[in-house]
Amino acid sequence: MEKKQLLEIGHRLRTRRQELGLTREKMSELADIGSGYYGQLEVGTSQMSVDTLIKLSRSMHLPIEYILFGDDYEKGDPSALIDLLKNCTPRELSLAEEVLKLFLMKNN
């Protein structure tokens, strides 16, 4: 794989991790890979196995095709959740965020 491709993959991984509000350490823990190795993937200095690709796809809730090629993917419509959250207090919002993160981690 060319260096440019590795950098593009790393950028997509970093962007998604940041969207999820996770540190590199937390992301690597969720994907069950080493944090140093995950960092190398993000900066494009290492390639990944198929097993690692599958782990990242599941833990980040991203299609494999998007990770590898950057192909567009359709995100779910969050409007129903947003409507529910509009009436929450700041504390309830914080709790809801933690519960959602735990739910998404459990369903990997």
PDB file of N, CA and C in Angstrom:
ATOM      1  N   MET A   1       0.849  -1.172   0.000  1.00  0.00           N
ATOM      2  CA  MET A   1       0.000   0.000   0.000  1.00  0.00           C
ATOM      3  C   MET A   1       0.895   1.236   0.000  1.00  0.00           C
ATOM      4  N   GLU A   2       0.506   2.237  -0.773  1.00  0.00           N
ATOM      5  CA  GLU A   2       1.302   3.459  -0.878  1.00  0.00           C
ATOM      6  C   GLU A   2       1.145   4.332   0.359  1.00  0.00           C
ATOM      7  N   LYS A   3       2.182   5.133   0.633  1.00  0.00           N
ATOM      8  CA  LYS A   3       2.183   6.027   1.794  1.00  0.00           C
ATOM      9  C   LYS A   3       0.969   6.958   1.776  1.00  0.00           C
ATOM     10  N   LYS A   4       0.601   7.463   0.603  1.00  0.00           N
ATOM     11  CA  LYS A   4      -0.541   8.373   0.487  1.00  0.00           C
ATOM     12  C   LYS A   4      -1.823   7.694   0.960  1.00  0.00           C
ATOM     13  N   GLN A   5      -1.999   6.434   0.578  1.00  0.00           N
ATOM     14  CA  GLN A   5      -3.187   5.685   0.995  1.00  0.00           C
ATOM     15  C   GLN A   5      -3.207   5.479   2.503  1.00  0.00           C
ATOM     16  N   LEU A   6      -2.051   5.170   3.076  1.00  0.00           N
ATOM     17  CA  LEU A   6      -1.975   4.984   4.525  1.00  0.00           C
ATOM     18  C   LEU A   6      -2.316   6.279   5.267  1.00  0.00           C
ATOM     19  N   LEU A   7      -1.849   7.409   4.735  1.00  0.00           N
ATOM     20  CA  LEU A   7      -2.155   8.703   5.351  1.00  0.00           C
ATOM     21  C   LEU A   7      -3.647   9.018   5.261  1.00  0.00           C
ATOM     22  N   GLU A   8      -4.261   8.689   4.127  1.00  0.00           N
ATOM     23  CA  GLU A   8      -5.697   8.938   3.959  1.00  0.00           C
ATOM     24  C   GLU A   8      -6.519   8.066   4.908  1.00  0.00           C
ATOM     25  N   ILE A   9      -6.149   6.812   5.044  1.00  0.00           N
ATOM     26  CA  ILE A   9      -6.831   5.913   5.978  1.00  0.00           C
ATOM     27  C   ILE A   9      -6.679   6.450   7.399  1.00  0.00           C
ATOM     28  N   GLY A  10      -5.468   6.834   7.749  1.00  0.00           N
ATOM     29  CA  GLY A  10      -5.212   7.381   9.079  1.00  0.00           C
ATOM     30  C   GLY A  10      -6.043   8.617   9.357  1.00  0.00           C
ATOM     31  N   HIS A  11      -6.178   9.460   8.357  1.00  0.00           N
ATOM     32  CA  HIS A  11      -6.989  10.676   8.523  1.00  0.00           C
ATOM     33  C   HIS A  11      -8.453  10.321   8.777  1.00  0.00           C
ATOM     34  N   ARG A  12      -8.973   9.341   8.035  1.00  0.00           N
ATOM     35  CA  ARG A  12     -10.362   8.929   8.242  1.00  0.00           C
ATOM     36  C   ARG A  12     -10.557   8.334   9.636  1.00  0.00           C
ATOM     37  N   LEU A  13      -9.591   7.547  10.107  1.00  0.00           N
ATOM     38  CA  LEU A  13      -9.677   6.975  11.447  1.00  0.00           C
ATOM     39  C   LEU A  13      -9.653   8.078  12.515  1.00  0.00           C
ATOM     40  N   ARG A  14      -8.728   9.014  12.372  1.00  0.00           N
ATOM     41  CA  ARG A  14      -8.608  10.102  13.343  1.00  0.00           C
ATOM     42  C   ARG A  14      -9.870  10.955  13.375  1.00  0.00           C
ATOM     43  N   THR A  15     -10.396  11.285  12.193  1.00  0.00           N
ATOM     44  CA  THR A  15     -11.605  12.105  12.111  1.00  0.00           C
ATOM     45  C   THR A  15     -12.767  11.415  12.811  1.00  0.00           C
ATOM     46  N   ARG A  16     -12.938  10.129  12.564  1.00  0.00           N
ATOM     47  CA  ARG A  16     -14.046   9.396  13.188  1.00  0.00           C
ATOM     48  C   ARG A  16     -13.859   9.282  14.699  1.00  0.00           C
ATOM     49  N   ARG A  17     -12.629   9.024  15.121  1.00  0.00           N
ATOM     50  CA  ARG A  17     -12.362   8.930  16.555  1.00  0.00           C
ATOM     51  C   ARG A  17     -12.713  10.251  17.238  1.00  0.00           C
ATOM     52  N   GLN A  18     -12.347  11.349  16.610  1.00  0.00           N
ATOM     53  CA  GLN A  18     -12.649  12.656  17.176  1.00  0.00           C
ATOM     54  C   GLN A  18     -14.150  12.924  17.167  1.00  0.00           C
ATOM     55  N   GLU A  19     -14.845  12.488  16.119  1.00  0.00           N
ATOM     56  CA  GLU A  19     -16.309  12.621  16.087  1.00  0.00           C
ATOM     57  C   GLU A  19     -16.944  11.891  17.259  1.00  0.00           C
ATOM     58  N   LEU A  20     -16.364  10.747  17.613  1.00  0.00           N
ATOM     59  CA  LEU A  20     -16.882   9.955  18.719  1.00  0.00           C
ATOM     60  C   LEU A  20     -16.447  10.502  20.082  1.00  0.00           C
ATOM     61  N   GLY A  21     -15.546  11.482  20.064  1.00  0.00           N
ATOM     62  CA  GLY A  21     -15.083  12.087  21.308  1.00  0.00           C
ATOM     63  C   GLY A  21     -14.198  11.174  22.140  1.00  0.00           C
ATOM     64  N   LEU A  22     -13.397  10.353  21.459  1.00  0.00           N
ATOM     65  CA  LEU A  22     -12.561   9.378  22.150  1.00  0.00           C
ATOM     66  C   LEU A  22     -11.084   9.710  22.012  1.00  0.00           C
ATOM     67  N   THR A  23     -10.314   9.342  23.022  1.00  0.00           N
ATOM     68  CA  THR A  23      -8.866   9.443  22.933  1.00  0.00           C
ATOM     69  C   THR A  23      -8.341   8.259  22.126  1.00  0.00           C
ATOM     70  N   ARG A  24      -7.093   8.353  21.714  1.00  0.00           N
ATOM     71  CA  ARG A  24      -6.490   7.209  21.012  1.00  0.00           C
ATOM     72  C   ARG A  24      -6.497   5.970  21.904  1.00  0.00           C
ATOM     73  N   GLU A  25      -6.208   6.182  23.165  1.00  0.00           N
ATOM     74  CA  GLU A  25      -6.154   5.060  24.101  1.00  0.00           C
ATOM     75  C   GLU A  25      -7.526   4.385  24.224  1.00  0.00           C
ATOM     76  N   LYS A  26      -8.571   5.188  24.363  1.00  0.00           N
ATOM     77  CA  LYS A  26      -9.915   4.626  24.499  1.00  0.00           C
ATOM     78  C   LYS A  26     -10.333   3.909  23.208  1.00  0.00           C
ATOM     79  N   MET A  27     -10.010   4.518  22.063  1.00  0.00           N
ATOM     80  CA  MET A  27     -10.367   3.898  20.783  1.00  0.00           C
ATOM     81  C   MET A  27      -9.651   2.563  20.623  1.00  0.00           C
ATOM     82  N   SER A  28      -8.378   2.526  20.961  1.00  0.00           N
ATOM     83  CA  SER A  28      -7.631   1.272  20.816  1.00  0.00           C
ATOM     84  C   SER A  28      -8.168   0.215  21.774  1.00  0.00           C
ATOM     85  N   GLU A  29      -8.590   0.651  22.959  1.00  0.00           N
ATOM     86  CA  GLU A  29      -9.185  -0.283  23.920  1.00  0.00           C
ATOM     87  C   GLU A  29     -10.483  -0.870  23.370  1.00  0.00           C
ATOM     88  N   LEU A  30     -11.326  -0.012  22.779  1.00  0.00           N
ATOM     89  CA  LEU A  30     -12.593  -0.486  22.216  1.00  0.00           C
ATOM     90  C   LEU A  30     -12.371  -1.457  21.059  1.00  0.00           C
ATOM     91  N   ALA A  31     -11.337  -1.183  20.268  1.00  0.00           N
ATOM     92  CA  ALA A  31     -11.052  -2.041  19.118  1.00  0.00           C
ATOM     93  C   ALA A  31     -10.200  -3.257  19.491  1.00  0.00           C
ATOM     94  N   ASP A  32      -9.761  -3.304  20.740  1.00  0.00           N
ATOM     95  CA  ASP A  32      -8.934  -4.405  21.226  1.00  0.00           C
ATOM     96  C   ASP A  32      -7.622  -4.522  20.445  1.00  0.00           C
ATOM     97  N   ILE A  33      -6.971  -3.360  20.276  1.00  0.00           N
ATOM     98  CA  ILE A  33      -5.643  -3.325  19.658  1.00  0.00           C
ATOM     99  C   ILE A  33      -4.755  -2.434  20.530  1.00  0.00           C
ATOM    100  N   GLY A  34      -3.470  -2.520  20.360  1.00  0.00           N
ATOM    101  CA  GLY A  34      -2.541  -1.714  21.141  1.00  0.00           C
ATOM    102  C   GLY A  34      -2.659  -0.230  20.818  1.00  0.00           C
ATOM    103  N   SER A  35      -2.505   0.615  21.831  1.00  0.00           N
ATOM    104  CA  SER A  35      -2.651   2.055  21.602  1.00  0.00           C
ATOM    105  C   SER A  35      -1.520   2.596  20.734  1.00  0.00           C
ATOM    106  N   GLY A  36      -0.313   2.083  20.903  1.00  0.00           N
ATOM    107  CA  GLY A  36       0.802   2.518  20.062  1.00  0.00           C
ATOM    108  C   GLY A  36       0.566   2.156  18.600  1.00  0.00           C
ATOM    109  N   TYR A  37       0.084   0.955  18.394  1.00  0.00           N
ATOM    110  CA  TYR A  37      -0.229   0.490  17.037  1.00  0.00           C
ATOM    111  C   TYR A  37      -1.340   1.334  16.424  1.00  0.00           C
ATOM    112  N   TYR A  38      -2.380   1.605  17.224  1.00  0.00           N
ATOM    113  CA  TYR A  38      -3.467   2.448  16.709  1.00  0.00           C
ATOM    114  C   TYR A  38      -2.932   3.828  16.323  1.00  0.00           C
ATOM    115  N   GLY A  39      -2.060   4.387  17.150  1.00  0.00           N
ATOM    116  CA  GLY A  39      -1.459   5.685  16.825  1.00  0.00           C
ATOM    117  C   GLY A  39      -0.697   5.637  15.510  1.00  0.00           C
ATOM    118  N   GLN A  40       0.009   4.545  15.272  1.00  0.00           N
ATOM    119  CA  GLN A  40       0.734   4.385  14.005  1.00  0.00           C
ATOM    120  C   GLN A  40      -0.231   4.325  12.823  1.00  0.00           C
ATOM    121  N   LEU A  41      -1.382   3.706  13.013  1.00  0.00           N
ATOM    122  CA  LEU A  41      -2.382   3.656  11.943  1.00  0.00           C
ATOM    123  C   LEU A  41      -2.895   5.059  11.630  1.00  0.00           C
ATOM    124  N   GLU A  42      -3.145   5.843  12.669  1.00  0.00           N
ATOM    125  CA  GLU A  42      -3.655   7.194  12.461  1.00  0.00           C
ATOM    126  C   GLU A  42      -2.667   8.097  11.732  1.00  0.00           C
ATOM    127  N   VAL A  43      -1.384   7.935  11.999  1.00  0.00           N
ATOM    128  CA  VAL A  43      -0.391   8.796  11.340  1.00  0.00           C
ATOM    129  C   VAL A  43       0.142   8.187  10.048  1.00  0.00           C
ATOM    130  N   GLY A  44      -0.341   6.997   9.711  1.00  0.00           N
ATOM    131  CA  GLY A  44       0.005   6.392   8.424  1.00  0.00           C
ATOM    132  C   GLY A  44       1.364   5.745   8.368  1.00  0.00           C
ATOM    133  N   THR A  45       1.891   5.314   9.512  1.00  0.00           N
ATOM    134  CA  THR A  45       3.205   4.672   9.494  1.00  0.00           C
ATOM    135  C   THR A  45       3.125   3.157   9.604  1.00  0.00           C
ATOM    136  N   SER A  46       1.916   2.625   9.666  1.00  0.00           N
ATOM    137  CA  SER A  46       1.752   1.180   9.775  1.00  0.00           C
ATOM    138  C   SER A  46       0.529   0.735   8.976  1.00  0.00           C
ATOM    139  N   GLN A  47       0.601  -0.497   8.489  1.00  0.00           N
ATOM    140  CA  GLN A  47      -0.543  -1.096   7.803  1.00  0.00           C
ATOM    141  C   GLN A  47      -1.293  -1.985   8.783  1.00  0.00           C
ATOM    142  N   MET A  48      -2.538  -2.304   8.450  1.00  0.00           N
ATOM    143  CA  MET A  48      -3.328  -3.143   9.343  1.00  0.00           C
ATOM    144  C   MET A  48      -3.713  -4.456   8.670  1.00  0.00           C
ATOM    145  N   SER A  49      -3.932  -5.444   9.525  1.00  0.00           N
ATOM    146  CA  SER A  49      -4.403  -6.740   9.047  1.00  0.00           C
ATOM    147  C   SER A  49      -5.905  -6.658   8.803  1.00  0.00           C
ATOM    148  N   VAL A  50      -6.431  -7.685   8.169  1.00  0.00           N
ATOM    149  CA  VAL A  50      -7.875  -7.764   7.955  1.00  0.00           C
ATOM    150  C   VAL A  50      -8.596  -7.824   9.310  1.00  0.00           C
ATOM    151  N   ASP A  51      -8.030  -8.564  10.260  1.00  0.00           N
ATOM    152  CA  ASP A  51      -8.646  -8.648  11.592  1.00  0.00           C
ATOM    153  C   ASP A  51      -8.749  -7.268  12.237  1.00  0.00           C
ATOM    154  N   THR A  52      -7.682  -6.480  12.150  1.00  0.00           N
ATOM    155  CA  THR A  52      -7.695  -5.134  12.728  1.00  0.00           C
ATOM    156  C   THR A  52      -8.690  -4.251  11.999  1.00  0.00           C
ATOM    157  N   LEU A  53      -8.756  -4.368  10.695  1.00  0.00           N
ATOM    158  CA  LEU A  53      -9.713  -3.593   9.908  1.00  0.00           C
ATOM    159  C   LEU A  53     -11.148  -3.895  10.360  1.00  0.00           C
ATOM    160  N   ILE A  54     -11.440  -5.142  10.575  1.00  0.00           N
ATOM    161  CA  ILE A  54     -12.784  -5.537  11.031  1.00  0.00           C
ATOM    162  C   ILE A  54     -13.055  -4.983  12.424  1.00  0.00           C
ATOM    163  N   LYS A  55     -12.080  -5.086  13.323  1.00  0.00           N
ATOM    164  CA  LYS A  55     -12.253  -4.548  14.675  1.00  0.00           C
ATOM    165  C   LYS A  55     -12.528  -3.041  14.642  1.00  0.00           C
ATOM    166  N   LEU A  56     -11.773  -2.317  13.828  1.00  0.00           N
ATOM    167  CA  LEU A  56     -11.969  -0.865  13.743  1.00  0.00           C
ATOM    168  C   LEU A  56     -13.316  -0.525  13.111  1.00  0.00           C
ATOM    169  N   SER A  57     -13.689  -1.263  12.084  1.00  0.00           N
ATOM    170  CA  SER A  57     -14.978  -1.034  11.435  1.00  0.00           C
ATOM    171  C   SER A  57     -16.115  -1.197  12.437  1.00  0.00           C
ATOM    172  N   ARG A  58     -16.064  -2.242  13.218  1.00  0.00           N
ATOM    173  CA  ARG A  58     -17.125  -2.498  14.203  1.00  0.00           C
ATOM    174  C   ARG A  58     -17.110  -1.488  15.338  1.00  0.00           C
ATOM    175  N   SER A  59     -15.940  -1.201  15.867  1.00  0.00           N
ATOM    176  CA  SER A  59     -15.880  -0.309  17.023  1.00  0.00           C
ATOM    177  C   SER A  59     -16.155   1.143  16.655  1.00  0.00           C
ATOM    178  N   MET A  60     -15.877   1.522  15.406  1.00  0.00           N
ATOM    179  CA  MET A  60     -16.126   2.898  14.969  1.00  0.00           C
ATOM    180  C   MET A  60     -17.466   3.051  14.252  1.00  0.00           C
ATOM    181  N   HIS A  61     -18.133   1.928  14.027  1.00  0.00           N
ATOM    182  CA  HIS A  61     -19.408   1.931  13.304  1.00  0.00           C
ATOM    183  C   HIS A  61     -19.238   2.568  11.927  1.00  0.00           C
ATOM    184  N   LEU A  62     -18.236   2.061  11.207  1.00  0.00           N
ATOM    185  CA  LEU A  62     -17.939   2.534   9.854  1.00  0.00           C
ATOM    186  C   LEU A  62     -17.853   1.348   8.905  1.00  0.00           C
ATOM    187  N   PRO A  63     -18.315   1.514   7.678  1.00  0.00           N
ATOM    188  CA  PRO A  63     -18.128   0.448   6.686  1.00  0.00           C
ATOM    189  C   PRO A  63     -16.639   0.293   6.343  1.00  0.00           C
ATOM    190  N   ILE A  64     -16.223  -0.928   6.109  1.00  0.00           N
ATOM    191  CA  ILE A  64     -14.840  -1.204   5.729  1.00  0.00           C
ATOM    192  C   ILE A  64     -14.459  -0.411   4.478  1.00  0.00           C
ATOM    193  N   GLU A  65     -15.387  -0.309   3.536  1.00  0.00           N
ATOM    194  CA  GLU A  65     -15.111   0.415   2.292  1.00  0.00           C
ATOM    195  C   GLU A  65     -14.772   1.879   2.564  1.00  0.00           C
ATOM    196  N   TYR A  66     -15.419   2.466   3.565  1.00  0.00           N
ATOM    197  CA  TYR A  66     -15.125   3.859   3.892  1.00  0.00           C
ATOM    198  C   TYR A  66     -13.726   3.981   4.494  1.00  0.00           C
ATOM    199  N   ILE A  67     -13.383   3.086   5.404  1.00  0.00           N
ATOM    200  CA  ILE A  67     -12.051   3.142   6.015  1.00  0.00           C
ATOM    201  C   ILE A  67     -10.973   3.022   4.939  1.00  0.00           C
ATOM    202  N   LEU A  68     -11.128   2.061   4.043  1.00  0.00           N
ATOM    203  CA  LEU A  68     -10.098   1.813   3.041  1.00  0.00           C
ATOM    204  C   LEU A  68     -10.076   2.823   1.895  1.00  0.00           C
ATOM    205  N   PHE A  69     -11.252   3.173   1.400  1.00  0.00           N
ATOM    206  CA  PHE A  69     -11.313   3.953   0.167  1.00  0.00           C
ATOM    207  C   PHE A  69     -11.932   5.333   0.321  1.00  0.00           C
ATOM    208  N   GLY A  70     -12.554   5.597   1.450  1.00  0.00           N
ATOM    209  CA  GLY A  70     -13.189   6.896   1.643  1.00  0.00           C
ATOM    210  C   GLY A  70     -14.515   7.027   0.935  1.00  0.00           C
ATOM    211  N   ASP A  71     -15.070   5.889   0.486  1.00  0.00           N
ATOM    212  CA  ASP A  71     -16.372   5.933  -0.183  1.00  0.00           C
ATOM    213  C   ASP A  71     -17.408   6.488   0.785  1.00  0.00           C
ATOM    214  N   ASP A  72     -18.326   7.263   0.253  1.00  0.00           N
ATOM    215  CA  ASP A  72     -19.375   7.833   1.086  1.00  0.00           C
ATOM    216  C   ASP A  72     -20.182   6.735   1.755  1.00  0.00           C
ATOM    217  N   TYR A  73     -20.642   7.042   2.933  1.00  0.00           N
ATOM    218  CA  TYR A  73     -21.534   6.123   3.622  1.00  0.00           C
ATOM    219  C   TYR A  73     -22.673   6.928   4.205  1.00  0.00           C
ATOM    220  N   GLU A  74     -23.799   6.271   4.326  1.00  0.00           N
ATOM    221  CA  GLU A  74     -25.003   6.944   4.794  1.00  0.00           C
ATOM    222  C   GLU A  74     -25.125   6.768   6.299  1.00  0.00           C
ATOM    223  N   LYS A  75     -25.110   7.884   6.992  1.00  0.00           N
ATOM    224  CA  LYS A  75     -25.295   7.847   8.437  1.00  0.00           C
ATOM    225  C   LYS A  75     -26.781   7.765   8.729  1.00  0.00           C
ATOM    226  N   GLY A  76     -27.113   7.237   9.893  1.00  0.00           N
ATOM    227  CA  GLY A  76     -28.511   7.146  10.305  1.00  0.00           C
ATOM    228  C   GLY A  76     -29.101   8.522  10.578  1.00  0.00           C
ATOM    229  N   ASP A  77     -30.401   8.606  10.576  1.00  0.00           N
ATOM    230  CA  ASP A  77     -31.109   9.855  10.847  1.00  0.00           C
ATOM    231  C   ASP A  77     -31.320   9.999  12.354  1.00  0.00           C
ATOM    232  N   PRO A  78     -30.641  10.958  12.988  1.00  0.00           N
ATOM    233  CA  PRO A  78     -30.738  11.102  14.441  1.00  0.00           C
ATOM    234  C   PRO A  78     -31.865  12.021  14.907  1.00  0.00           C
ATOM    235  N   SER A  79     -32.748  12.437  14.002  1.00  0.00           N
ATOM    236  CA  SER A  79     -33.742  13.451  14.358  1.00  0.00           C
ATOM    237  C   SER A  79     -34.652  13.020  15.515  1.00  0.00           C
ATOM    238  N   ALA A  80     -35.029  11.752  15.598  1.00  0.00           N
ATOM    239  CA  ALA A  80     -35.891  11.304  16.689  1.00  0.00           C
ATOM    240  C   ALA A  80     -35.167  11.415  18.032  1.00  0.00           C
ATOM    241  N   LEU A  81     -33.891  11.059  18.041  1.00  0.00           N
ATOM    242  CA  LEU A  81     -33.115  11.188  19.268  1.00  0.00           C
ATOM    243  C   LEU A  81     -32.931  12.654  19.653  1.00  0.00           C
ATOM    244  N   ILE A  82     -32.679  13.476  18.675  1.00  0.00           N
ATOM    245  CA  ILE A  82     -32.499  14.906  18.941  1.00  0.00           C
ATOM    246  C   ILE A  82     -33.765  15.492  19.555  1.00  0.00           C
ATOM    247  N   ASP A  83     -34.914  15.104  19.048  1.00  0.00           N
ATOM    248  CA  ASP A  83     -36.177  15.590  19.606  1.00  0.00           C
ATOM    249  C   ASP A  83     -36.316  15.193  21.078  1.00  0.00           C
ATOM    250  N   LEU A  84     -35.920  13.964  21.401  1.00  0.00           N
ATOM    251  CA  LEU A  84     -36.002  13.515  22.791  1.00  0.00           C
ATOM    252  C   LEU A  84     -35.037  14.286  23.698  1.00  0.00           C
ATOM    253  N   LEU A  85     -33.868  14.585  23.167  1.00  0.00           N
ATOM    254  CA  LEU A  85     -32.837  15.228  23.973  1.00  0.00           C
ATOM    255  C   LEU A  85     -33.057  16.727  24.180  1.00  0.00           C
ATOM    256  N   LYS A  86     -33.887  17.337  23.361  1.00  0.00           N
ATOM    257  CA  LYS A  86     -34.102  18.778  23.449  1.00  0.00           C
ATOM    258  C   LYS A  86     -34.659  19.212  24.805  1.00  0.00           C
ATOM    259  N   ASN A  87     -35.406  18.367  25.468  1.00  0.00           N
ATOM    260  CA  ASN A  87     -36.023  18.730  26.743  1.00  0.00           C
ATOM    261  C   ASN A  87     -35.216  18.263  27.949  1.00  0.00           C
ATOM    262  N   CYS A  88     -34.025  17.777  27.742  1.00  0.00           N
ATOM    263  CA  CYS A  88     -33.203  17.268  28.839  1.00  0.00           C
ATOM    264  C   CYS A  88     -32.427  18.394  29.517  1.00  0.00           C
ATOM    265  N   THR A  89     -32.172  18.188  30.795  1.00  0.00           N
ATOM    266  CA  THR A  89     -31.302  19.098  31.536  1.00  0.00           C
ATOM    267  C   THR A  89     -29.851  18.791  31.140  1.00  0.00           C
ATOM    268  N   PRO A  90     -28.924  19.685  31.445  1.00  0.00           N
ATOM    269  CA  PRO A  90     -27.510  19.385  31.136  1.00  0.00           C
ATOM    270  C   PRO A  90     -27.036  18.075  31.770  1.00  0.00           C
ATOM    271  N   ARG A  91     -27.461  17.802  32.971  1.00  0.00           N
ATOM    272  CA  ARG A  91     -27.071  16.541  33.632  1.00  0.00           C
ATOM    273  C   ARG A  91     -27.649  15.338  32.892  1.00  0.00           C
ATOM    274  N   GLU A  92     -28.910  15.434  32.493  1.00  0.00           N
ATOM    275  CA  GLU A  92     -29.535  14.335  31.742  1.00  0.00           C
ATOM    276  C   GLU A  92     -28.843  14.121  30.402  1.00  0.00           C
ATOM    277  N   LEU A  93     -28.443  15.206  29.757  1.00  0.00           N
ATOM    278  CA  LEU A  93     -27.722  15.090  28.488  1.00  0.00           C
ATOM    279  C   LEU A  93     -26.391  14.371  28.675  1.00  0.00           C
ATOM    280  N   SER A  94     -25.700  14.714  29.745  1.00  0.00           N
ATOM    281  CA  SER A  94     -24.428  14.066  30.029  1.00  0.00           C
ATOM    282  C   SER A  94     -24.614  12.573  30.267  1.00  0.00           C
ATOM    283  N   LEU A  95     -25.624  12.216  31.040  1.00  0.00           N
ATOM    284  CA  LEU A  95     -25.911  10.809  31.298  1.00  0.00           C
ATOM    285  C   LEU A  95     -26.324  10.074  30.019  1.00  0.00           C
ATOM    286  N   ALA A  96     -27.139  10.730  29.210  1.00  0.00           N
ATOM    287  CA  ALA A  96     -27.583  10.113  27.952  1.00  0.00           C
ATOM    288  C   ALA A  96     -26.389   9.850  27.043  1.00  0.00           C
ATOM    289  N   GLU A  97     -25.451  10.777  27.015  1.00  0.00           N
ATOM    290  CA  GLU A  97     -24.255  10.594  26.190  1.00  0.00           C
ATOM    291  C   GLU A  97     -23.454   9.384  26.656  1.00  0.00           C
ATOM    292  N   GLU A  98     -23.277   9.246  27.960  1.00  0.00           N
ATOM    293  CA  GLU A  98     -22.529   8.109  28.492  1.00  0.00           C
ATOM    294  C   GLU A  98     -23.238   6.791  28.196  1.00  0.00           C
ATOM    295  N   VAL A  99     -24.555   6.760  28.354  1.00  0.00           N
ATOM    296  CA  VAL A  99     -25.326   5.547  28.084  1.00  0.00           C
ATOM    297  C   VAL A  99     -25.211   5.171  26.606  1.00  0.00           C
ATOM    298  N   LEU A 100     -25.307   6.152  25.722  1.00  0.00           N
ATOM    299  CA  LEU A 100     -25.208   5.879  24.293  1.00  0.00           C
ATOM    300  C   LEU A 100     -23.827   5.337  23.938  1.00  0.00           C
ATOM    301  N   LYS A 101     -22.794   5.916  24.506  1.00  0.00           N
ATOM    302  CA  LYS A 101     -21.439   5.415  24.252  1.00  0.00           C
ATOM    303  C   LYS A 101     -21.312   3.969  24.709  1.00  0.00           C
ATOM    304  N   LEU A 102     -21.824   3.665  25.891  1.00  0.00           N
ATOM    305  CA  LEU A 102     -21.770   2.288  26.396  1.00  0.00           C
ATOM    306  C   LEU A 102     -22.574   1.345  25.496  1.00  0.00           C
ATOM    307  N   PHE A 103     -23.727   1.798  25.045  1.00  0.00           N
ATOM    308  CA  PHE A 103     -24.551   0.984  24.156  1.00  0.00           C
ATOM    309  C   PHE A 103     -23.816   0.676  22.854  1.00  0.00           C
ATOM    310  N   LEU A 104     -23.205   1.688  22.264  1.00  0.00           N
ATOM    311  CA  LEU A 104     -22.503   1.482  21.001  1.00  0.00           C
ATOM    312  C   LEU A 104     -21.295   0.576  21.178  1.00  0.00           C
ATOM    313  N   MET A 105     -20.614   0.683  22.314  1.00  0.00           N
ATOM    314  CA  MET A 105     -19.464  -0.192  22.585  1.00  0.00           C
ATOM    315  C   MET A 105     -19.910  -1.628  22.752  1.00  0.00           C
ATOM    316  N   LYS A 106     -21.021  -1.837  23.428  1.00  0.00           N
ATOM    317  CA  LYS A 106     -21.530  -3.193  23.695  1.00  0.00           C
ATOM    318  C   LYS A 106     -21.956  -3.898  22.411  1.00  0.00           C
ATOM    319  N   ASN A 107     -22.443  -3.153  21.451  1.00  0.00           N
ATOM    320  CA  ASN A 107     -22.965  -3.753  20.227  1.00  0.00           C
ATOM    321  C   ASN A 107     -21.921  -3.937  19.150  1.00  0.00           C
ATOM    322  N   ASN A 108     -20.673  -3.954  19.499  1.00  0.00           N
ATOM    323  CA  ASN A 108     -19.609  -4.167  18.501  1.00  0.00           C
ATOM    324  C   ASN A 108     -19.515  -5.605  18.113  1.00  0.00           C
TER     325      ASN A 108
END
